[in-house]
Amino acid sequence: MVLARVRRAVLETKRMTPLIVDKETRLLLDGHHRRTVAISLGIERVPVLMINYGDSGVRVEKWYRKVDNKGILHQLMRANSSKGKYCARLGKNVEMCGPSPYVLLWKLHWIERFLLTLGVRVIKVGEGGDVEPPSLSKKDVIRVARKGLVFPPKTTRHVYDFIIQHSPLSVA
């Protein structure tokens, strides 16, 4: 769905929002869908914004979830929890834990996808949601990326104390 939308936009406009890459590690921080589309279309040069991910002006925040039916979510979170120090919380009493942030966040992602099949709406918001995912550090993000893995979409919410170019640039 997202890939099709990005692909259509790139084909129609011949433009793309820059990928965000860490200067030091050369790891892709934002733009995984755009990268996939560029590769599939044979685009050899794409706009890239190199940032210093270690800079204090770059913060990793989280996407909270607002859910239409907390009762079903409560049951699914309880049924899918395991031991671990990384936990997502629904209110004050329900938590779903896992052995790593990667495993836990993919579990949460698939629960969200399942809820959608039941007609339960899940919206990711910057604050004030029903579900609070675990906090991630920059080290967590880098550790997962170095393994060649990616977190589910909208796992991290990077906030910058400087201006990020969000206007699409030419890829033609």
N, C-alpha and C. Protein backbone atom coordinates (compact mmCIF):
# COMPACT_ATOMS: atom_id res chain seq x y z
N MET A 1 0.83 -1.18 0.00
CA MET A 1 0.00 0.00 0.00
C MET A 1 0.88 1.26 0.00
N VAL A 2 1.77 1.38 0.98
CA VAL A 2 2.67 2.53 1.05
C VAL A 2 3.62 2.52 -0.14
N LEU A 3 4.18 1.35 -0.45
CA LEU A 3 5.12 1.27 -1.59
C LEU A 3 4.43 1.67 -2.90
N ALA A 4 3.20 1.24 -3.09
CA ALA A 4 2.47 1.58 -4.31
C ALA A 4 2.24 3.09 -4.39
N ARG A 5 1.91 3.70 -3.26
CA ARG A 5 1.68 5.14 -3.24
C ARG A 5 2.98 5.91 -3.54
N VAL A 6 4.09 5.48 -2.93
CA VAL A 6 5.38 6.14 -3.16
C VAL A 6 5.79 5.95 -4.62
N ARG A 7 5.63 4.73 -5.13
CA ARG A 7 6.00 4.43 -6.52
C ARG A 7 5.22 5.32 -7.49
N ARG A 8 3.92 5.41 -7.27
CA ARG A 8 3.07 6.22 -8.14
C ARG A 8 3.52 7.70 -8.11
N ALA A 9 3.82 8.21 -6.91
CA ALA A 9 4.25 9.60 -6.78
C ALA A 9 5.57 9.85 -7.50
N VAL A 10 6.51 8.92 -7.38
CA VAL A 10 7.81 9.07 -8.04
C VAL A 10 7.64 9.01 -9.56
N LEU A 11 6.83 8.07 -10.04
CA LEU A 11 6.61 7.96 -11.49
C LEU A 11 5.93 9.20 -12.06
N GLU A 12 4.96 9.75 -11.31
CA GLU A 12 4.22 10.91 -11.79
C GLU A 12 5.05 12.19 -11.75
N THR A 13 5.85 12.37 -10.69
CA THR A 13 6.55 13.65 -10.50
C THR A 13 8.03 13.61 -10.84
N LYS A 14 8.59 12.42 -10.90
CA LYS A 14 10.06 12.26 -11.08
C LYS A 14 10.81 12.98 -9.96
N ARG A 15 10.21 13.00 -8.78
CA ARG A 15 10.79 13.65 -7.62
C ARG A 15 10.67 12.74 -6.41
N MET A 16 11.54 12.98 -5.42
CA MET A 16 11.54 12.16 -4.21
C MET A 16 12.06 12.98 -3.04
N THR A 17 11.44 12.80 -1.88
CA THR A 17 11.94 13.40 -0.65
C THR A 17 13.27 12.74 -0.30
N PRO A 18 14.27 13.51 0.14
CA PRO A 18 15.58 12.93 0.44
C PRO A 18 15.54 11.81 1.49
N LEU A 19 16.37 10.80 1.27
CA LEU A 19 16.60 9.77 2.28
C LEU A 19 17.46 10.43 3.36
N ILE A 20 17.33 9.97 4.59
CA ILE A 20 18.17 10.51 5.67
C ILE A 20 19.14 9.42 6.09
N VAL A 21 20.44 9.75 6.02
CA VAL A 21 21.52 8.79 6.27
C VAL A 21 22.48 9.38 7.30
N ASP A 22 22.96 8.53 8.20
CA ASP A 22 23.95 8.95 9.19
C ASP A 22 25.31 9.10 8.52
N LYS A 23 25.96 10.25 8.74
CA LYS A 23 27.28 10.51 8.14
C LYS A 23 28.32 9.50 8.58
N GLU A 24 28.31 9.17 9.85
CA GLU A 24 29.37 8.31 10.41
C GLU A 24 29.23 6.85 9.98
N THR A 25 28.04 6.29 10.15
CA THR A 25 27.86 4.86 9.90
C THR A 25 27.37 4.55 8.48
N ARG A 26 26.85 5.58 7.80
CA ARG A 26 26.27 5.43 6.46
C ARG A 26 24.99 4.58 6.49
N LEU A 27 24.36 4.49 7.65
CA LEU A 27 23.14 3.71 7.77
C LEU A 27 21.93 4.57 7.41
N LEU A 28 20.98 3.95 6.71
CA LEU A 28 19.74 4.62 6.33
C LEU A 28 18.85 4.74 7.56
N LEU A 29 18.49 5.97 7.91
CA LEU A 29 17.66 6.21 9.09
C LEU A 29 16.19 6.42 8.73
N ASP A 30 15.96 7.05 7.59
CA ASP A 30 14.59 7.34 7.17
C ASP A 30 14.54 7.28 5.65
N GLY A 31 13.53 6.62 5.12
CA GLY A 31 13.37 6.54 3.67
C GLY A 31 13.45 5.14 3.12
N HIS A 32 13.19 4.15 3.95
CA HIS A 32 13.28 2.75 3.48
C HIS A 32 12.33 2.47 2.32
N HIS A 33 11.10 3.01 2.37
CA HIS A 33 10.17 2.79 1.27
C HIS A 33 10.66 3.49 0.01
N ARG A 34 11.15 4.72 0.15
CA ARG A 34 11.64 5.45 -1.02
C ARG A 34 12.83 4.73 -1.64
N ARG A 35 13.71 4.19 -0.81
CA ARG A 35 14.87 3.43 -1.31
C ARG A 35 14.41 2.20 -2.10
N THR A 36 13.46 1.46 -1.53
CA THR A 36 12.94 0.26 -2.19
C THR A 36 12.33 0.60 -3.55
N VAL A 37 11.57 1.70 -3.59
CA VAL A 37 10.96 2.13 -4.85
C VAL A 37 12.04 2.52 -5.85
N ALA A 38 13.04 3.27 -5.41
CA ALA A 38 14.12 3.70 -6.32
C ALA A 38 14.82 2.49 -6.92
N ILE A 39 15.10 1.50 -6.11
CA ILE A 39 15.76 0.28 -6.60
C ILE A 39 14.86 -0.43 -7.61
N SER A 40 13.57 -0.56 -7.28
CA SER A 40 12.66 -1.28 -8.18
C SER A 40 12.48 -0.56 -9.52
N LEU A 41 12.64 0.77 -9.52
CA LEU A 41 12.50 1.54 -10.75
C LEU A 41 13.84 1.73 -11.48
N GLY A 42 14.91 1.22 -10.89
CA GLY A 42 16.22 1.36 -11.51
C GLY A 42 16.80 2.76 -11.42
N ILE A 43 16.33 3.53 -10.46
CA ILE A 43 16.85 4.88 -10.27
C ILE A 43 18.19 4.77 -9.56
N GLU A 44 19.22 5.27 -10.20
CA GLU A 44 20.58 5.11 -9.66
C GLU A 44 20.99 6.22 -8.71
N ARG A 45 20.40 7.39 -8.86
CA ARG A 45 20.78 8.52 -8.00
C ARG A 45 19.52 9.08 -7.34
N VAL A 46 19.53 9.15 -6.03
CA VAL A 46 18.41 9.71 -5.27
C VAL A 46 18.93 10.79 -4.33
N PRO A 47 18.08 11.73 -3.95
CA PRO A 47 18.52 12.75 -3.01
C PRO A 47 18.74 12.14 -1.62
N VAL A 48 19.84 12.55 -0.98
CA VAL A 48 20.18 12.04 0.35
C VAL A 48 20.58 13.22 1.22
N LEU A 49 20.11 13.22 2.43
CA LEU A 49 20.53 14.21 3.41
C LEU A 49 21.37 13.48 4.45
N MET A 50 22.63 13.85 4.54
CA MET A 50 23.54 13.24 5.50
C MET A 50 23.46 14.05 6.80
N ILE A 51 23.23 13.35 7.90
CA ILE A 51 23.18 14.02 9.20
C ILE A 51 24.13 13.33 10.17
N ASN A 52 24.46 14.03 11.23
CA ASN A 52 25.25 13.44 12.30
C ASN A 52 24.26 12.89 13.32
N TYR A 53 23.99 11.59 13.26
CA TYR A 53 22.99 10.97 14.12
C TYR A 53 23.36 11.07 15.60
N GLY A 54 24.65 11.17 15.88
CA GLY A 54 25.09 11.29 17.26
C GLY A 54 24.87 12.68 17.85
N ASP A 55 24.53 13.65 17.01
CA ASP A 55 24.31 15.02 17.45
C ASP A 55 23.17 15.09 18.46
N SER A 56 23.33 15.93 19.48
CA SER A 56 22.28 16.07 20.50
C SER A 56 21.02 16.72 19.93
N GLY A 57 21.13 17.32 18.74
CA GLY A 57 19.98 17.92 18.09
C GLY A 57 19.10 16.91 17.36
N VAL A 58 19.47 15.64 17.44
CA VAL A 58 18.67 14.56 16.86
C VAL A 58 18.17 13.69 18.02
N ARG A 59 16.85 13.57 18.13
CA ARG A 59 16.27 12.77 19.20
C ARG A 59 15.39 11.66 18.63
N VAL A 60 15.35 10.55 19.34
CA VAL A 60 14.48 9.44 18.96
C VAL A 60 13.29 9.46 19.91
N GLU A 61 12.13 9.70 19.36
CA GLU A 61 10.91 9.66 20.16
C GLU A 61 10.04 8.53 19.64
N LYS A 62 8.86 8.39 20.19
CA LYS A 62 8.03 7.23 19.82
C LYS A 62 6.69 7.64 19.28
N TRP A 63 6.08 6.72 18.57
CA TRP A 63 4.71 6.88 18.09
C TRP A 63 3.78 6.12 19.03
N TYR A 64 2.90 6.82 19.69
CA TYR A 64 1.88 6.19 20.53
C TYR A 64 0.75 5.72 19.60
N ARG A 65 -0.08 4.81 20.10
CA ARG A 65 -1.20 4.32 19.31
C ARG A 65 -2.52 4.67 19.98
N LYS A 66 -3.45 5.19 19.19
CA LYS A 66 -4.84 5.37 19.63
C LYS A 66 -5.61 4.22 19.01
N VAL A 67 -6.43 3.56 19.83
CA VAL A 67 -7.13 2.36 19.38
C VAL A 67 -8.62 2.49 19.67
N ASP A 68 -9.46 2.12 18.69
CA ASP A 68 -10.91 2.21 18.86
C ASP A 68 -11.46 1.21 19.88
N ASN A 69 -10.89 0.00 19.92
CA ASN A 69 -11.42 -1.05 20.80
C ASN A 69 -10.31 -1.55 21.72
N LYS A 70 -10.22 -0.96 22.89
CA LYS A 70 -9.15 -1.33 23.82
C LYS A 70 -9.35 -2.72 24.42
N GLY A 71 -10.58 -3.21 24.46
CA GLY A 71 -10.86 -4.53 25.03
C GLY A 71 -10.18 -5.65 24.23
N ILE A 72 -10.33 -5.60 22.91
CA ILE A 72 -9.70 -6.61 22.06
C ILE A 72 -8.18 -6.48 22.15
N LEU A 73 -7.69 -5.25 22.10
CA LEU A 73 -6.25 -5.03 22.18
C LEU A 73 -5.71 -5.55 23.51
N HIS A 74 -6.42 -5.32 24.58
CA HIS A 74 -6.03 -5.82 25.91
C HIS A 74 -5.82 -7.33 25.87
N GLN A 75 -6.76 -8.05 25.30
CA GLN A 75 -6.67 -9.51 25.22
C GLN A 75 -5.48 -9.95 24.36
N LEU A 76 -5.28 -9.29 23.22
CA LEU A 76 -4.18 -9.65 22.33
C LEU A 76 -2.82 -9.37 22.95
N MET A 77 -2.71 -8.25 23.65
CA MET A 77 -1.44 -7.92 24.29
C MET A 77 -1.12 -8.93 25.39
N ARG A 78 -2.11 -9.28 26.18
CA ARG A 78 -1.89 -10.28 27.25
C ARG A 78 -1.48 -11.62 26.66
N ALA A 79 -2.13 -12.03 25.59
CA ALA A 79 -1.87 -13.34 24.98
C ALA A 79 -0.50 -13.40 24.30
N ASN A 80 0.02 -12.26 23.87
CA ASN A 80 1.28 -12.25 23.12
C ASN A 80 2.48 -11.76 23.91
N SER A 81 2.30 -11.56 25.20
CA SER A 81 3.40 -11.08 26.02
C SER A 81 4.35 -12.23 26.37
N SER A 82 5.60 -11.90 26.54
CA SER A 82 6.58 -12.87 27.01
C SER A 82 7.51 -12.13 27.96
N LYS A 83 8.46 -12.84 28.51
CA LYS A 83 9.39 -12.19 29.43
C LYS A 83 10.34 -11.30 28.65
N GLY A 84 10.68 -10.21 29.27
CA GLY A 84 11.64 -9.31 28.66
C GLY A 84 11.58 -7.95 29.30
N LYS A 85 12.63 -7.19 29.07
CA LYS A 85 12.68 -5.87 29.69
C LYS A 85 12.09 -4.78 28.81
N TYR A 86 11.74 -5.11 27.57
CA TYR A 86 11.13 -4.13 26.67
C TYR A 86 9.63 -4.36 26.67
N CYS A 87 8.87 -3.31 27.01
CA CYS A 87 7.42 -3.47 27.14
C CYS A 87 6.66 -2.33 26.48
N ALA A 88 5.51 -2.69 25.91
CA ALA A 88 4.53 -1.72 25.44
C ALA A 88 3.41 -1.74 26.46
N ARG A 89 2.85 -0.57 26.74
CA ARG A 89 1.83 -0.47 27.79
C ARG A 89 0.51 0.06 27.25
N LEU A 90 -0.57 -0.59 27.68
CA LEU A 90 -1.92 -0.12 27.40
C LEU A 90 -2.47 0.35 28.73
N GLY A 91 -2.58 1.63 28.91
CA GLY A 91 -3.01 2.16 30.21
C GLY A 91 -1.96 1.87 31.27
N LYS A 92 -2.40 1.72 32.49
CA LYS A 92 -1.46 1.49 33.60
C LYS A 92 -1.30 0.01 33.95
N ASN A 93 -2.25 -0.83 33.52
CA ASN A 93 -2.26 -2.22 34.01
C ASN A 93 -1.88 -3.29 32.99
N VAL A 94 -1.87 -2.99 31.71
CA VAL A 94 -1.62 -4.02 30.70
C VAL A 94 -0.30 -3.73 30.00
N GLU A 95 0.57 -4.73 30.00
CA GLU A 95 1.79 -4.57 29.24
C GLU A 95 2.10 -5.84 28.48
N MET A 96 2.72 -5.63 27.33
CA MET A 96 3.19 -6.74 26.50
C MET A 96 4.70 -6.56 26.40
N CYS A 97 5.42 -7.57 26.82
CA CYS A 97 6.88 -7.46 26.88
C CYS A 97 7.54 -8.44 25.90
N GLY A 98 8.80 -8.17 25.63
CA GLY A 98 9.56 -9.04 24.74
C GLY A 98 11.04 -8.96 25.06
N PRO A 99 11.82 -9.87 24.49
CA PRO A 99 13.24 -9.95 24.79
C PRO A 99 14.09 -8.84 24.17
N SER A 100 13.56 -8.20 23.12
CA SER A 100 14.29 -7.13 22.45
C SER A 100 13.28 -6.13 21.91
N PRO A 101 13.69 -4.90 21.69
CA PRO A 101 12.74 -3.94 21.11
C PRO A 101 12.32 -4.37 19.70
N TYR A 102 13.23 -4.98 18.97
CA TYR A 102 12.92 -5.42 17.61
C TYR A 102 11.78 -6.45 17.62
N VAL A 103 11.91 -7.48 18.44
CA VAL A 103 10.88 -8.52 18.53
C VAL A 103 9.56 -7.95 19.01
N LEU A 104 9.61 -7.15 20.07
CA LEU A 104 8.39 -6.59 20.65
C LEU A 104 7.67 -5.69 19.64
N LEU A 105 8.40 -4.83 18.97
CA LEU A 105 7.75 -3.89 18.06
C LEU A 105 7.18 -4.57 16.83
N TRP A 106 7.79 -5.66 16.37
CA TRP A 106 7.18 -6.42 15.28
C TRP A 106 5.93 -7.15 15.77
N LYS A 107 5.93 -7.65 16.99
CA LYS A 107 4.71 -8.26 17.55
C LYS A 107 3.58 -7.23 17.59
N LEU A 108 3.90 -6.05 18.09
CA LEU A 108 2.90 -4.99 18.18
C LEU A 108 2.39 -4.62 16.78
N HIS A 109 3.28 -4.56 15.82
CA HIS A 109 2.89 -4.25 14.44
C HIS A 109 1.88 -5.28 13.90
N TRP A 110 2.17 -6.57 14.11
CA TRP A 110 1.26 -7.59 13.58
C TRP A 110 -0.06 -7.63 14.33
N ILE A 111 -0.05 -7.28 15.59
CA ILE A 111 -1.32 -7.15 16.32
C ILE A 111 -2.12 -6.00 15.73
N GLU A 112 -1.47 -4.89 15.44
CA GLU A 112 -2.15 -3.75 14.82
C GLU A 112 -2.74 -4.14 13.47
N ARG A 113 -1.99 -4.87 12.68
CA ARG A 113 -2.49 -5.32 11.37
C ARG A 113 -3.71 -6.23 11.55
N PHE A 114 -3.65 -7.13 12.54
CA PHE A 114 -4.78 -8.02 12.82
C PHE A 114 -6.00 -7.21 13.24
N LEU A 115 -5.81 -6.22 14.09
CA LEU A 115 -6.92 -5.38 14.52
C LEU A 115 -7.60 -4.71 13.33
N LEU A 116 -6.80 -4.28 12.36
CA LEU A 116 -7.37 -3.66 11.17
C LEU A 116 -8.29 -4.62 10.42
N THR A 117 -7.92 -5.92 10.39
CA THR A 117 -8.78 -6.90 9.71
C THR A 117 -10.10 -7.08 10.44
N LEU A 118 -10.13 -6.74 11.74
CA LEU A 118 -11.36 -6.81 12.53
C LEU A 118 -12.15 -5.51 12.48
N GLY A 119 -11.62 -4.53 11.76
CA GLY A 119 -12.29 -3.23 11.68
C GLY A 119 -11.96 -2.30 12.83
N VAL A 120 -10.95 -2.65 13.60
CA VAL A 120 -10.52 -1.79 14.72
C VAL A 120 -9.46 -0.83 14.20
N ARG A 121 -9.73 0.43 14.33
CA ARG A 121 -8.82 1.46 13.83
C ARG A 121 -7.68 1.71 14.82
N VAL A 122 -6.46 1.75 14.28
CA VAL A 122 -5.27 2.07 15.06
C VAL A 122 -4.60 3.27 14.39
N ILE A 123 -4.41 4.34 15.15
CA ILE A 123 -3.79 5.55 14.62
C ILE A 123 -2.54 5.84 15.44
N LYS A 124 -1.44 6.14 14.75
CA LYS A 124 -0.20 6.48 15.45
C LYS A 124 -0.14 8.00 15.63
N VAL A 125 0.13 8.39 16.87
CA VAL A 125 0.16 9.82 17.23
C VAL A 125 1.43 10.11 18.02
N GLY A 126 1.84 11.35 17.98
CA GLY A 126 3.07 11.76 18.67
C GLY A 126 2.97 11.74 20.18
N GLU A 127 1.77 11.93 20.70
CA GLU A 127 1.59 11.88 22.16
C GLU A 127 0.12 11.65 22.47
N GLY A 128 -0.13 11.22 23.70
CA GLY A 128 -1.51 11.07 24.16
C GLY A 128 -2.25 9.85 23.65
N GLY A 129 -1.55 8.83 23.21
CA GLY A 129 -2.22 7.63 22.72
C GLY A 129 -2.57 6.66 23.84
N ASP A 130 -3.27 5.59 23.48
CA ASP A 130 -3.66 4.55 24.44
C ASP A 130 -2.52 3.59 24.72
N VAL A 131 -1.70 3.33 23.72
CA VAL A 131 -0.60 2.38 23.86
C VAL A 131 0.72 3.14 23.80
N GLU A 132 1.55 2.90 24.81
CA GLU A 132 2.88 3.50 24.82
C GLU A 132 3.91 2.42 24.51
N PRO A 133 4.59 2.54 23.37
CA PRO A 133 5.63 1.57 23.04
C PRO A 133 6.88 1.82 23.89
N PRO A 134 7.84 0.91 23.87
CA PRO A 134 9.06 1.14 24.64
C PRO A 134 9.87 2.28 24.02
N SER A 135 10.64 2.93 24.85
CA SER A 135 11.56 3.96 24.35
C SER A 135 12.73 3.27 23.66
N LEU A 136 13.18 3.85 22.58
CA LEU A 136 14.35 3.34 21.86
C LEU A 136 15.45 4.39 21.94
N SER A 137 16.66 3.92 22.03
CA SER A 137 17.81 4.81 22.00
C SER A 137 18.38 4.82 20.58
N LYS A 138 19.25 5.77 20.32
CA LYS A 138 19.94 5.78 19.03
C LYS A 138 20.75 4.50 18.86
N LYS A 139 21.31 4.01 19.97
CA LYS A 139 22.08 2.75 19.91
C LYS A 139 21.20 1.59 19.48
N ASP A 140 19.94 1.55 19.98
CA ASP A 140 19.00 0.50 19.56
C ASP A 140 18.78 0.57 18.05
N VAL A 141 18.57 1.77 17.54
CA VAL A 141 18.30 1.95 16.11
C VAL A 141 19.51 1.51 15.29
N ILE A 142 20.70 1.93 15.68
CA ILE A 142 21.93 1.57 14.97
C ILE A 142 22.19 0.07 15.04
N ARG A 143 21.96 -0.53 16.22
CA ARG A 143 22.20 -1.97 16.40
C ARG A 143 21.33 -2.78 15.43
N VAL A 144 20.06 -2.41 15.31
CA VAL A 144 19.16 -3.13 14.40
C VAL A 144 19.58 -2.90 12.94
N ALA A 145 19.90 -1.66 12.60
CA ALA A 145 20.29 -1.35 11.22
C ALA A 145 21.58 -2.06 10.82
N ARG A 146 22.53 -2.18 11.73
CA ARG A 146 23.79 -2.87 11.41
C ARG A 146 23.58 -4.35 11.12
N LYS A 147 22.51 -4.92 11.64
CA LYS A 147 22.19 -6.32 11.35
C LYS A 147 21.45 -6.47 10.02
N GLY A 148 21.19 -5.34 9.36
CA GLY A 148 20.46 -5.38 8.09
C GLY A 148 18.97 -5.51 8.28
N LEU A 149 18.49 -5.23 9.49
CA LEU A 149 17.07 -5.34 9.80
C LEU A 149 16.45 -3.95 9.85
N VAL A 150 15.14 -3.89 9.79
CA VAL A 150 14.43 -2.63 9.95
C VAL A 150 13.30 -2.83 10.96
N PHE A 151 13.03 -1.79 11.70
CA PHE A 151 11.87 -1.80 12.59
C PHE A 151 10.61 -1.66 11.73
N PRO A 152 9.45 -1.99 12.27
CA PRO A 152 8.21 -1.78 11.51
C PRO A 152 8.02 -0.30 11.18
N PRO A 153 7.20 -0.01 10.17
CA PRO A 153 6.93 1.39 9.83
C PRO A 153 6.41 2.17 11.03
N LYS A 154 6.81 3.43 11.11
CA LYS A 154 6.37 4.35 12.18
C LYS A 154 6.72 3.83 13.57
N THR A 155 7.89 3.22 13.71
CA THR A 155 8.37 2.80 15.03
C THR A 155 9.05 3.95 15.72
N THR A 156 9.97 4.59 15.01
CA THR A 156 10.69 5.71 15.60
C THR A 156 10.15 7.01 15.02
N ARG A 157 10.20 8.02 15.85
CA ARG A 157 9.81 9.36 15.43
C ARG A 157 11.02 10.24 15.70
N HIS A 158 11.81 10.45 14.65
CA HIS A 158 13.01 11.28 14.82
C HIS A 158 12.61 12.75 14.83
N VAL A 159 13.15 13.45 15.79
CA VAL A 159 12.88 14.88 15.94
C VAL A 159 14.23 15.59 15.84
N TYR A 160 14.26 16.65 15.05
CA TYR A 160 15.50 17.36 14.78
C TYR A 160 15.41 18.79 15.27
N ASP A 161 16.48 19.29 15.87
CA ASP A 161 16.55 20.69 16.30
C ASP A 161 16.99 21.59 15.15
N PHE A 162 17.07 21.03 13.95
CA PHE A 162 17.46 21.78 12.77
C PHE A 162 16.47 21.44 11.67
N ILE A 163 16.51 22.20 10.62
CA ILE A 163 15.52 22.04 9.54
C ILE A 163 15.93 20.88 8.63
N ILE A 164 14.97 20.00 8.38
CA ILE A 164 15.14 18.88 7.47
C ILE A 164 14.40 19.20 6.17
N GLN A 165 15.05 19.03 5.06
CA GLN A 165 14.46 19.28 3.74
C GLN A 165 13.42 18.18 3.47
N HIS A 166 12.14 18.57 3.43
CA HIS A 166 11.09 17.60 3.14
C HIS A 166 10.49 17.81 1.75
N SER A 167 10.98 18.80 1.03
CA SER A 167 10.48 19.04 -0.33
C SER A 167 11.11 18.01 -1.27
N PRO A 168 10.28 17.36 -2.07
CA PRO A 168 10.84 16.39 -3.02
C PRO A 168 11.80 17.04 -4.01
N LEU A 169 12.86 16.32 -4.35
CA LEU A 169 13.87 16.76 -5.31
C LEU A 169 13.87 15.84 -6.51
N SER A 170 14.40 16.30 -7.59
CA SER A 170 14.38 15.56 -8.86
C SER A 170 15.20 14.25 -8.75
N VAL A 171 14.66 13.19 -9.37
CA VAL A 171 15.39 11.92 -9.48
C VAL A 171 15.57 11.55 -10.95
N ALA A 172 15.21 12.46 -11.82
CA ALA A 172 15.31 12.20 -13.27
C ALA A 172 16.71 12.45 -13.78
